[in-house]
Amino acid sequence: MKKLIFIQHALDRMKERLITEDLVIATLNNPDNTDCRNEKRKIAQRLIQGKLLRIIYEENDDFIIVVSAYCTSKVSKYIRGYE
């Protein structure tokens, strides 16, 4: 895996939301779904205990920058066909 860089906003949100670096790494390595609507930013998504963990990141040839992370119970809003 590429080198990970966590911006301060991501670290603050992860701490506030009790999301560990291990969960972020696991989601980036093995997402259930990746949203690539934006050319610059991507969102790795993974279902965990009925909630959707979303990792917002930017990627280049050498590293991945984690911008933010959050969990949501609105799974069907972000993954089509989930009910």
Protein backbone atom coordinates (compact mmCIF):
# COMPACT_ATOMS: atom_id res chain seq x y z
CA MET A 1 0.00 0.00 0.00
CA LYS A 2 1.07 3.57 -0.64
CA LYS A 3 2.25 5.81 2.18
CA LEU A 4 -0.68 7.33 4.11
CA ILE A 5 -0.79 10.97 5.14
CA PHE A 6 -3.54 12.10 7.52
CA ILE A 7 -4.30 15.81 7.43
CA GLN A 8 -5.10 17.39 10.80
CA HIS A 9 -8.81 17.67 9.96
CA ALA A 10 -8.96 13.90 9.39
CA LEU A 11 -7.14 13.17 12.64
CA ASP A 12 -9.46 15.49 14.56
CA ARG A 13 -12.60 13.95 13.06
CA MET A 14 -11.32 10.40 13.59
CA LYS A 15 -10.63 11.13 17.26
CA GLU A 16 -14.00 12.84 17.71
CA ARG A 17 -15.81 9.96 15.99
CA LEU A 18 -13.76 7.14 17.54
CA ILE A 19 -12.50 5.90 14.16
CA THR A 20 -9.11 4.21 14.40
CA GLU A 21 -6.28 4.34 11.87
CA ASP A 22 -6.64 0.56 11.56
CA LEU A 23 -10.27 0.95 10.42
CA VAL A 24 -9.22 3.60 7.90
CA ILE A 25 -6.43 1.39 6.54
CA ALA A 26 -8.73 -1.65 6.34
CA THR A 27 -11.34 0.38 4.48
CA LEU A 28 -8.81 1.80 2.03
CA ASN A 29 -7.27 -1.65 1.43
CA ASN A 30 -10.55 -3.50 1.05
CA PRO A 31 -13.53 -1.17 0.45
CA ASP A 32 -17.00 -2.52 -0.18
CA ASN A 33 -17.47 0.34 -2.62
CA THR A 34 -15.48 3.31 -3.94
CA ASP A 35 -17.15 6.52 -5.06
CA CYS A 36 -15.10 8.33 -7.72
CA ARG A 37 -17.51 11.05 -8.83
CA ASN A 38 -14.91 13.74 -8.23
CA GLU A 39 -11.67 13.53 -10.22
CA LYS A 40 -9.61 14.82 -7.29
CA ARG A 41 -11.24 13.13 -4.28
CA LYS A 42 -12.41 9.59 -3.80
CA ILE A 43 -14.48 7.97 -1.08
CA ALA A 44 -13.79 4.44 0.15
CA GLN A 45 -16.83 2.91 1.84
CA ARG A 46 -17.20 -0.12 4.05
CA LEU A 47 -20.15 -1.54 5.99
CA ILE A 48 -19.33 -2.09 9.65
CA GLN A 49 -22.00 -3.29 12.07
CA GLY A 50 -24.84 -1.85 10.00
CA LYS A 51 -23.21 1.55 9.50
CA LEU A 52 -21.26 2.85 6.55
CA LEU A 53 -17.71 4.03 7.19
CA ARG A 54 -16.71 6.62 4.58
CA ILE A 55 -13.09 7.65 4.07
CA ILE A 56 -12.55 10.74 1.92
CA TYR A 57 -9.10 10.77 0.34
CA GLU A 58 -6.89 12.03 -2.47
CA GLU A 59 -4.39 9.80 -4.22
CA ASN A 60 -1.31 10.32 -6.37
CA ASP A 61 1.49 8.04 -7.57
CA ASP A 62 3.34 8.05 -4.23
CA PHE A 63 0.85 8.47 -1.40
CA ILE A 64 -2.74 8.72 -0.19
CA ILE A 65 -3.92 11.78 1.72
CA VAL A 66 -6.79 11.05 4.13
CA VAL A 67 -8.98 14.15 4.21
CA SER A 68 -11.81 13.01 6.51
CA ALA A 69 -13.64 9.99 7.89
CA TYR A 70 -17.11 9.40 9.27
CA CYS A 71 -19.76 6.76 9.86
CA THR A 72 -23.36 7.11 8.78
CA SER A 73 -26.50 5.06 9.27
CA LYS A 74 -27.86 6.39 5.94
CA VAL A 75 -26.38 3.48 4.00
CA SER A 76 -28.96 3.47 1.20
CA LYS A 77 -28.22 7.14 0.50
CA TYR A 78 -24.66 6.27 -0.50
CA ILE A 79 -24.93 2.69 -1.80
CA ARG A 80 -27.60 2.05 -4.38
CA GLY A 81 -29.58 -1.11 -3.93
CA TYR A 82 -28.85 -1.45 -0.21
CA GLU A 83 -31.93 -1.82 1.96
